[in-house]
Amino acid sequence: MRKRAIGTVTRDKTLKTRRVEVPRLYRHKKYGKTLRDKTICYVHDENNESHVGDLVEIIESRPLSKTKRWNLVRIVQKSVAVHVETV
């Protein structure tokens, strides 16, 4: 069974590649405090559909490059950020 994850796109500058941050919570081994952390995944986006701020679902795949190990399944929620262009 392939792993699935939901995360936020944080970088979309490269062609067909997205950087996705997947948040996670875990307990500290010694002190028991709940900590927040993130896992960074590089995702293959064949049609360049996703953009910065989008919530996406990804699935584990074979190695596509040195760092890419995930594929985009679907966009769960589009970003509502407004793009402002300077003149």
PDB file of N, CA and C in Angstrom:
ATOM      1  N   MET A   1       0.845  -1.183   0.000  1.00  0.00           N
ATOM      2  CA  MET A   1       0.000   0.000   0.000  1.00  0.00           C
ATOM      3  C   MET A   1       0.888   1.243   0.000  1.00  0.00           C
ATOM      4  N   ARG A   2       0.614   2.164  -0.896  1.00  0.00           N
ATOM      5  CA  ARG A   2       1.393   3.399  -0.984  1.00  0.00           C
ATOM      6  C   ARG A   2       0.915   4.410   0.037  1.00  0.00           C
ATOM      7  N   LYS A   3       1.859   5.172   0.582  1.00  0.00           N
ATOM      8  CA  LYS A   3       1.506   6.204   1.560  1.00  0.00           C
ATOM      9  C   LYS A   3       0.800   7.357   0.863  1.00  0.00           C
ATOM     10  N   ARG A   4      -0.153   7.952   1.557  1.00  0.00           N
ATOM     11  CA  ARG A   4      -0.851   9.148   1.082  1.00  0.00           C
ATOM     12  C   ARG A   4      -0.686  10.225   2.137  1.00  0.00           C
ATOM     13  N   ALA A   5      -0.662  11.477   1.702  1.00  0.00           N
ATOM     14  CA  ALA A   5      -0.521  12.588   2.636  1.00  0.00           C
ATOM     15  C   ALA A   5      -1.223  13.809   2.066  1.00  0.00           C
ATOM     16  N   ILE A   6      -1.587  14.733   2.954  1.00  0.00           N
ATOM     17  CA  ILE A   6      -2.190  15.998   2.546  1.00  0.00           C
ATOM     18  C   ILE A   6      -1.316  17.114   3.093  1.00  0.00           C
ATOM     19  N   GLY A   7      -0.943  18.045   2.204  1.00  0.00           N
ATOM     20  CA  GLY A   7      -0.062  19.129   2.610  1.00  0.00           C
ATOM     21  C   GLY A   7      -0.306  20.378   1.791  1.00  0.00           C
ATOM     22  N   THR A   8       0.474  21.409   2.081  1.00  0.00           N
ATOM     23  CA  THR A   8       0.338  22.711   1.430  1.00  0.00           C
ATOM     24  C   THR A   8       1.514  22.953   0.497  1.00  0.00           C
ATOM     25  N   VAL A   9       1.227  23.431  -0.709  1.00  0.00           N
ATOM     26  CA  VAL A   9       2.274  23.758  -1.674  1.00  0.00           C
ATOM     27  C   VAL A   9       2.972  25.030  -1.211  1.00  0.00           C
ATOM     28  N   THR A  10       4.308  24.971  -1.093  1.00  0.00           N
ATOM     29  CA  THR A  10       5.066  26.142  -0.641  1.00  0.00           C
ATOM     30  C   THR A  10       5.963  26.708  -1.731  1.00  0.00           C
ATOM     31  N   ARG A  11       6.171  25.964  -2.821  1.00  0.00           N
ATOM     32  CA  ARG A  11       7.007  26.463  -3.909  1.00  0.00           C
ATOM     33  C   ARG A  11       6.550  25.836  -5.216  1.00  0.00           C
ATOM     34  N   ASP A  12       6.398  26.681  -6.245  1.00  0.00           N
ATOM     35  CA  ASP A  12       5.947  26.174  -7.549  1.00  0.00           C
ATOM     36  C   ASP A  12       6.743  26.769  -8.709  1.00  0.00           C
ATOM     37  N   LYS A  13       7.992  27.123  -8.457  1.00  0.00           N
ATOM     38  CA  LYS A  13       8.787  27.797  -9.483  1.00  0.00           C
ATOM     39  C   LYS A  13       9.343  26.855 -10.537  1.00  0.00           C
ATOM     40  N   THR A  14       9.578  25.600 -10.199  1.00  0.00           N
ATOM     41  CA  THR A  14      10.139  24.669 -11.163  1.00  0.00           C
ATOM     42  C   THR A  14       9.032  24.011 -11.983  1.00  0.00           C
ATOM     43  N   LEU A  15       9.359  23.651 -13.202  1.00  0.00           N
ATOM     44  CA  LEU A  15       8.396  23.048 -14.117  1.00  0.00           C
ATOM     45  C   LEU A  15       8.062  21.627 -13.672  1.00  0.00           C
ATOM     46  N   LYS A  16       6.774  21.346 -13.500  1.00  0.00           N
ATOM     47  CA  LYS A  16       6.244  20.027 -13.142  1.00  0.00           C
ATOM     48  C   LYS A  16       6.696  19.522 -11.771  1.00  0.00           C
ATOM     49  N   THR A  17       7.230  20.396 -10.931  1.00  0.00           N
ATOM     50  CA  THR A  17       7.651  19.996  -9.587  1.00  0.00           C
ATOM     51  C   THR A  17       7.093  20.978  -8.567  1.00  0.00           C
ATOM     52  N   ARG A  18       6.590  20.446  -7.464  1.00  0.00           N
ATOM     53  CA  ARG A  18       6.076  21.268  -6.378  1.00  0.00           C
ATOM     54  C   ARG A  18       6.731  20.847  -5.078  1.00  0.00           C
ATOM     55  N   ARG A  19       6.953  21.824  -4.203  1.00  0.00           N
ATOM     56  CA  ARG A  19       7.464  21.545  -2.860  1.00  0.00           C
ATOM     57  C   ARG A  19       6.266  21.609  -1.929  1.00  0.00           C
ATOM     58  N   VAL A  20       5.999  20.514  -1.233  1.00  0.00           N
ATOM     59  CA  VAL A  20       4.815  20.415  -0.378  1.00  0.00           C
ATOM     60  C   VAL A  20       5.257  20.160   1.061  1.00  0.00           C
ATOM     61  N   GLU A  21       4.682  20.931   1.985  1.00  0.00           N
ATOM     62  CA  GLU A  21       4.947  20.729   3.406  1.00  0.00           C
ATOM     63  C   GLU A  21       3.774  19.970   4.022  1.00  0.00           C
ATOM     64  N   VAL A  22       4.088  18.840   4.655  1.00  0.00           N
ATOM     65  CA  VAL A  22       3.074  18.024   5.318  1.00  0.00           C
ATOM     66  C   VAL A  22       3.264  18.192   6.821  1.00  0.00           C
ATOM     67  N   PRO A  23       2.304  18.823   7.516  1.00  0.00           N
ATOM     68  CA  PRO A  23       2.460  19.019   8.968  1.00  0.00           C
ATOM     69  C   PRO A  23       2.245  17.712   9.724  1.00  0.00           C
ATOM     70  N   ARG A  24       2.918  17.593  10.864  1.00  0.00           N
ATOM     71  CA  ARG A  24       2.720  16.412  11.706  1.00  0.00           C
ATOM     72  C   ARG A  24       2.901  16.792  13.170  1.00  0.00           C
ATOM     73  N   LEU A  25       2.242  16.065  14.039  1.00  0.00           N
ATOM     74  CA  LEU A  25       2.349  16.233  15.487  1.00  0.00           C
ATOM     75  C   LEU A  25       2.969  14.972  16.065  1.00  0.00           C
ATOM     76  N   TYR A  26       3.860  15.142  17.028  1.00  0.00           N
ATOM     77  CA  TYR A  26       4.417  13.984  17.708  1.00  0.00           C
ATOM     78  C   TYR A  26       4.747  14.361  19.136  1.00  0.00           C
ATOM     79  N   ARG A  27       4.867  13.350  19.973  1.00  0.00           N
ATOM     80  CA  ARG A  27       5.180  13.588  21.380  1.00  0.00           C
ATOM     81  C   ARG A  27       6.678  13.433  21.607  1.00  0.00           C
ATOM     82  N   HIS A  28       7.229  14.341  22.414  1.00  0.00           N
ATOM     83  CA  HIS A  28       8.645  14.284  22.760  1.00  0.00           C
ATOM     84  C   HIS A  28       8.890  13.020  23.585  1.00  0.00           C
ATOM     85  N   LYS A  29       9.946  12.298  23.258  1.00  0.00           N
ATOM     86  CA  LYS A  29      10.207  11.017  23.928  1.00  0.00           C
ATOM     87  C   LYS A  29      10.409  11.161  25.435  1.00  0.00           C
ATOM     88  N   LYS A  30      11.173  12.171  25.837  1.00  0.00           N
ATOM     89  CA  LYS A  30      11.500  12.309  27.258  1.00  0.00           C
ATOM     90  C   LYS A  30      10.444  13.089  28.036  1.00  0.00           C
ATOM     91  N   TYR A  31       9.999  14.226  27.481  1.00  0.00           N
ATOM     92  CA  TYR A  31       9.137  15.125  28.242  1.00  0.00           C
ATOM     93  C   TYR A  31       7.653  14.958  27.949  1.00  0.00           C
ATOM     94  N   GLY A  32       7.308  14.292  26.865  1.00  0.00           N
ATOM     95  CA  GLY A  32       5.901  14.026  26.584  1.00  0.00           C
ATOM     96  C   GLY A  32       5.142  15.187  25.987  1.00  0.00           C
ATOM     97  N   LYS A  33       5.808  16.313  25.752  1.00  0.00           N
ATOM     98  CA  LYS A  33       5.131  17.475  25.174  1.00  0.00           C
ATOM     99  C   LYS A  33       4.834  17.203  23.700  1.00  0.00           C
ATOM    100  N   THR A  34       3.682  17.647  23.246  1.00  0.00           N
ATOM    101  CA  THR A  34       3.314  17.505  21.848  1.00  0.00           C
ATOM    102  C   THR A  34       4.004  18.596  21.039  1.00  0.00           C
ATOM    103  N   LEU A  35       4.714  18.199  19.993  1.00  0.00           N
ATOM    104  CA  LEU A  35       5.470  19.130  19.170  1.00  0.00           C
ATOM    105  C   LEU A  35       4.927  19.146  17.751  1.00  0.00           C
ATOM    106  N   ARG A  36       5.045  20.296  17.111  1.00  0.00           N
ATOM    107  CA  ARG A  36       4.659  20.437  15.702  1.00  0.00           C
ATOM    108  C   ARG A  36       5.914  20.362  14.854  1.00  0.00           C
ATOM    109  N   ASP A  37       5.804  19.683  13.736  1.00  0.00           N
ATOM    110  CA  ASP A  37       6.922  19.584  12.804  1.00  0.00           C
ATOM    111  C   ASP A  37       6.348  19.494  11.403  1.00  0.00           C
ATOM    112  N   LYS A  38       7.204  19.522  10.400  1.00  0.00           N
ATOM    113  CA  LYS A  38       6.729  19.400   9.026  1.00  0.00           C
ATOM    114  C   LYS A  38       7.685  18.514   8.255  1.00  0.00           C
ATOM    115  N   THR A  39       7.130  17.806   7.295  1.00  0.00           N
ATOM    116  CA  THR A  39       7.916  16.989   6.395  1.00  0.00           C
ATOM    117  C   THR A  39       7.842  17.644   5.024  1.00  0.00           C
ATOM    118  N   ILE A  40       8.981  17.796   4.356  1.00  0.00           N
ATOM    119  CA  ILE A  40       9.007  18.431   3.049  1.00  0.00           C
ATOM    120  C   ILE A  40       9.111  17.353   1.984  1.00  0.00           C
ATOM    121  N   CYS A  41       8.174  17.371   1.036  1.00  0.00           N
ATOM    122  CA  CYS A  41       8.132  16.397  -0.048  1.00  0.00           C
ATOM    123  C   CYS A  41       8.183  17.142  -1.374  1.00  0.00           C
ATOM    124  N   TYR A  42       8.920  16.601  -2.307  1.00  0.00           N
ATOM    125  CA  TYR A  42       8.933  17.144  -3.658  1.00  0.00           C
ATOM    126  C   TYR A  42       8.012  16.287  -4.505  1.00  0.00           C
ATOM    127  N   VAL A  43       7.049  16.936  -5.158  1.00  0.00           N
ATOM    128  CA  VAL A  43       5.930  16.254  -5.804  1.00  0.00           C
ATOM    129  C   VAL A  43       5.949  16.511  -7.306  1.00  0.00           C
ATOM    130  N   HIS A  44       5.643  15.460  -8.085  1.00  0.00           N
ATOM    131  CA  HIS A  44       5.533  15.592  -9.537  1.00  0.00           C
ATOM    132  C   HIS A  44       4.117  16.034  -9.878  1.00  0.00           C
ATOM    133  N   ASP A  45       3.987  17.184 -10.544  1.00  0.00           N
ATOM    134  CA  ASP A  45       2.702  17.732 -10.976  1.00  0.00           C
ATOM    135  C   ASP A  45       2.745  17.834 -12.499  1.00  0.00           C
ATOM    136  N   GLU A  46       2.263  16.819 -13.172  1.00  0.00           N
ATOM    137  CA  GLU A  46       2.395  16.690 -14.626  1.00  0.00           C
ATOM    138  C   GLU A  46       1.820  17.876 -15.391  1.00  0.00           C
ATOM    139  N   ASN A  47       0.661  18.400 -14.981  1.00  0.00           N
ATOM    140  CA  ASN A  47      -0.010  19.459 -15.727  1.00  0.00           C
ATOM    141  C   ASN A  47       0.177  20.853 -15.134  1.00  0.00           C
ATOM    142  N   ASN A  48       1.050  21.000 -14.154  1.00  0.00           N
ATOM    143  CA  ASN A  48       1.281  22.286 -13.479  1.00  0.00           C
ATOM    144  C   ASN A  48      -0.028  22.897 -12.971  1.00  0.00           C
ATOM    145  N   GLU A  49      -0.864  22.088 -12.352  1.00  0.00           N
ATOM    146  CA  GLU A  49      -2.183  22.531 -11.884  1.00  0.00           C
ATOM    147  C   GLU A  49      -2.121  23.284 -10.562  1.00  0.00           C
ATOM    148  N   SER A  50      -1.258  22.863  -9.652  1.00  0.00           N
ATOM    149  CA  SER A  50      -1.233  23.440  -8.311  1.00  0.00           C
ATOM    150  C   SER A  50      -0.314  24.650  -8.249  1.00  0.00           C
ATOM    151  N   HIS A  51      -0.613  25.526  -7.275  1.00  0.00           N
ATOM    152  CA  HIS A  51       0.180  26.730  -7.073  1.00  0.00           C
ATOM    153  C   HIS A  51       0.379  26.956  -5.582  1.00  0.00           C
ATOM    154  N   VAL A  52       1.182  27.938  -5.226  1.00  0.00           N
ATOM    155  CA  VAL A  52       1.519  28.210  -3.827  1.00  0.00           C
ATOM    156  C   VAL A  52       0.250  28.448  -3.009  1.00  0.00           C
ATOM    157  N   GLY A  53       0.173  27.780  -1.870  1.00  0.00           N
ATOM    158  CA  GLY A  53      -0.960  27.946  -0.966  1.00  0.00           C
ATOM    159  C   GLY A  53      -2.046  26.906  -1.125  1.00  0.00           C
ATOM    160  N   ASP A  54      -2.016  26.130  -2.200  1.00  0.00           N
ATOM    161  CA  ASP A  54      -3.039  25.098  -2.421  1.00  0.00           C
ATOM    162  C   ASP A  54      -2.841  23.937  -1.454  1.00  0.00           C
ATOM    163  N   LEU A  55      -3.947  23.357  -1.006  1.00  0.00           N
ATOM    164  CA  LEU A  55      -3.931  22.151  -0.186  1.00  0.00           C
ATOM    165  C   LEU A  55      -4.062  20.975  -1.146  1.00  0.00           C
ATOM    166  N   VAL A  56      -3.088  20.061  -1.145  1.00  0.00           N
ATOM    167  CA  VAL A  56      -3.062  18.983  -2.128  1.00  0.00           C
ATOM    168  C   VAL A  56      -2.926  17.621  -1.451  1.00  0.00           C
ATOM    169  N   GLU A  57      -3.415  16.589  -2.149  1.00  0.00           N
ATOM    170  CA  GLU A  57      -3.238  15.213  -1.709  1.00  0.00           C
ATOM    171  C   GLU A  57      -2.164  14.596  -2.585  1.00  0.00           C
ATOM    172  N   ILE A  58      -1.184  13.921  -1.955  1.00  0.00           N
ATOM    173  CA  ILE A  58      -0.078  13.325  -2.692  1.00  0.00           C
ATOM    174  C   ILE A  58       0.026  11.843  -2.354  1.00  0.00           C
ATOM    175  N   ILE A  59       0.673  11.090  -3.252  1.00  0.00           N
ATOM    176  CA  ILE A  59       0.849   9.655  -3.051  1.00  0.00           C
ATOM    177  C   ILE A  59       2.304   9.293  -3.359  1.00  0.00           C
ATOM    178  N   GLU A  60       2.821   8.343  -2.598  1.00  0.00           N
ATOM    179  CA  GLU A  60       4.190   7.893  -2.764  1.00  0.00           C
ATOM    180  C   GLU A  60       4.349   7.188  -4.115  1.00  0.00           C
ATOM    181  N   SER A  61       5.507   7.379  -4.764  1.00  0.00           N
ATOM    182  CA  SER A  61       5.752   6.727  -6.054  1.00  0.00           C
ATOM    183  C   SER A  61       7.206   6.298  -6.149  1.00  0.00           C
ATOM    184  N   ARG A  62       7.565   5.751  -7.292  1.00  0.00           N
ATOM    185  CA  ARG A  62       8.960   5.378  -7.519  1.00  0.00           C
ATOM    186  C   ARG A  62       9.805   6.651  -7.602  1.00  0.00           C
ATOM    187  N   PRO A  63      11.095   6.568  -7.404  1.00  0.00           N
ATOM    188  CA  PRO A  63      11.941   7.763  -7.527  1.00  0.00           C
ATOM    189  C   PRO A  63      11.892   8.331  -8.947  1.00  0.00           C
ATOM    190  N   LEU A  64      11.511   9.604  -9.051  1.00  0.00           N
ATOM    191  CA  LEU A  64      11.418  10.264 -10.346  1.00  0.00           C
ATOM    192  C   LEU A  64      12.658  11.105 -10.635  1.00  0.00           C
ATOM    193  N   SER A  65      13.373  11.499  -9.602  1.00  0.00           N
ATOM    194  CA  SER A  65      14.623  12.245  -9.728  1.00  0.00           C
ATOM    195  C   SER A  65      15.384  12.069  -8.418  1.00  0.00           C
ATOM    196  N   LYS A  66      16.408  12.880  -8.221  1.00  0.00           N
ATOM    197  CA  LYS A  66      17.202  12.776  -6.991  1.00  0.00           C
ATOM    198  C   LYS A  66      16.355  13.017  -5.742  1.00  0.00           C
ATOM    199  N   THR A  67      15.410  13.964  -5.812  1.00  0.00           N
ATOM    200  CA  THR A  67      14.612  14.314  -4.632  1.00  0.00           C
ATOM    201  C   THR A  67      13.131  13.975  -4.758  1.00  0.00           C
ATOM    202  N   LYS A  68      12.610  13.848  -5.968  1.00  0.00           N
ATOM    203  CA  LYS A  68      11.168  13.626  -6.155  1.00  0.00           C
ATOM    204  C   LYS A  68      10.785  12.178  -5.920  1.00  0.00           C
ATOM    205  N   ARG A  69       9.862  11.957  -4.969  1.00  0.00           N
ATOM    206  CA  ARG A  69       9.392  10.615  -4.637  1.00  0.00           C
ATOM    207  C   ARG A  69       7.872  10.550  -4.501  1.00  0.00           C
ATOM    208  N   TRP A  70       7.169  11.608  -4.888  1.00  0.00           N
ATOM    209  CA  TRP A  70       5.725  11.694  -4.690  1.00  0.00           C
ATOM    210  C   TRP A  70       5.042  12.172  -5.975  1.00  0.00           C
ATOM    211  N   ASN A  71       3.758  11.810  -6.133  1.00  0.00           N
ATOM    212  CA  ASN A  71       2.941  12.261  -7.252  1.00  0.00           C
ATOM    213  C   ASN A  71       1.716  12.996  -6.718  1.00  0.00           C
ATOM    214  N   LEU A  72       1.251  13.980  -7.471  1.00  0.00           N
ATOM    215  CA  LEU A  72       0.044  14.720  -7.109  1.00  0.00           C
ATOM    216  C   LEU A  72      -1.179  13.886  -7.460  1.00  0.00           C
ATOM    217  N   VAL A  73      -2.096  13.724  -6.504  1.00  0.00           N
ATOM    218  CA  VAL A  73      -3.342  12.989  -6.749  1.00  0.00           C
ATOM    219  C   VAL A  73      -4.450  13.967  -7.117  1.00  0.00           C
ATOM    220  N   ARG A  74      -4.653  14.975  -6.258  1.00  0.00           N
ATOM    221  CA  ARG A  74      -5.707  15.958  -6.499  1.00  0.00           C
ATOM    222  C   ARG A  74      -5.458  17.204  -5.673  1.00  0.00           C
ATOM    223  N   ILE A  75      -6.114  18.271  -6.078  1.00  0.00           N
ATOM    224  CA  ILE A  75      -6.069  19.512  -5.309  1.00  0.00           C
ATOM    225  C   ILE A  75      -7.287  19.515  -4.406  1.00  0.00           C
ATOM    226  N   VAL A  76      -7.067  19.485  -3.104  1.00  0.00           N
ATOM    227  CA  VAL A  76      -8.166  19.436  -2.138  1.00  0.00           C
ATOM    228  C   VAL A  76      -8.840  20.797  -2.043  1.00  0.00           C
ATOM    229  N   GLN A  77      -8.017  21.867  -1.970  1.00  0.00           N
ATOM    230  CA  GLN A  77      -8.564  23.217  -1.840  1.00  0.00           C
ATOM    231  C   GLN A  77      -7.613  24.205  -2.499  1.00  0.00           C
ATOM    232  N   LYS A  78      -8.173  25.040  -3.372  1.00  0.00           N
ATOM    233  CA  LYS A  78      -7.363  26.059  -4.042  1.00  0.00           C
ATOM    234  C   LYS A  78      -7.084  27.209  -3.074  1.00  0.00           C
ATOM    235  N   SER A  79      -5.950  27.872  -3.272  1.00  0.00           N
ATOM    236  CA  SER A  79      -5.581  29.020  -2.463  1.00  0.00           C
ATOM    237  C   SER A  79      -6.459  30.214  -2.827  1.00  0.00           C
ATOM    238  N   VAL A  80      -6.754  31.041  -1.843  1.00  0.00           N
ATOM    239  CA  VAL A  80      -7.567  32.237  -2.086  1.00  0.00           C
ATOM    240  C   VAL A  80      -6.701  33.496  -2.080  1.00  0.00           C
ATOM    241  N   ALA A  81      -5.373  33.323  -2.131  1.00  0.00           N
ATOM    242  CA  ALA A  81      -4.459  34.465  -2.136  1.00  0.00           C
ATOM    243  C   ALA A  81      -4.598  35.238  -3.446  1.00  0.00           C
ATOM    244  N   VAL A  82      -4.523  36.560  -3.343  1.00  0.00           N
ATOM    245  CA  VAL A  82      -4.639  37.425  -4.513  1.00  0.00           C
ATOM    246  C   VAL A  82      -3.241  37.749  -5.008  1.00  0.00           C
ATOM    247  N   HIS A  83      -3.004  37.554  -6.317  1.00  0.00           N
ATOM    248  CA  HIS A  83      -1.709  37.863  -6.910  1.00  0.00           C
ATOM    249  C   HIS A  83      -1.705  39.323  -7.357  1.00  0.00           C
ATOM    250  N   VAL A  84      -0.746  40.119  -6.836  1.00  0.00           N
ATOM    251  CA  VAL A  84      -0.649  41.530  -7.173  1.00  0.00           C
ATOM    252  C   VAL A  84       0.565  41.711  -8.088  1.00  0.00           C
ATOM    253  N   GLU A  85       0.335  42.317  -9.248  1.00  0.00           N
ATOM    254  CA  GLU A  85       1.428  42.570 -10.176  1.00  0.00           C
ATOM    255  C   GLU A  85       1.862  44.027 -10.071  1.00  0.00           C
ATOM    256  N   THR A  86       3.169  44.233 -10.092  1.00  0.00           N
ATOM    257  CA  THR A  86       3.695  45.593 -10.044  1.00  0.00           C
ATOM    258  C   THR A  86       3.919  46.101 -11.464  1.00  0.00           C
ATOM    259  N   VAL A  87       3.678  47.369 -11.659  1.00  0.00           N
ATOM    260  CA  VAL A  87       3.819  47.953 -13.003  1.00  0.00           C
ATOM    261  C   VAL A  87       5.135  48.659 -13.135  1.00  0.00           C
TER     262      VAL A  87
END
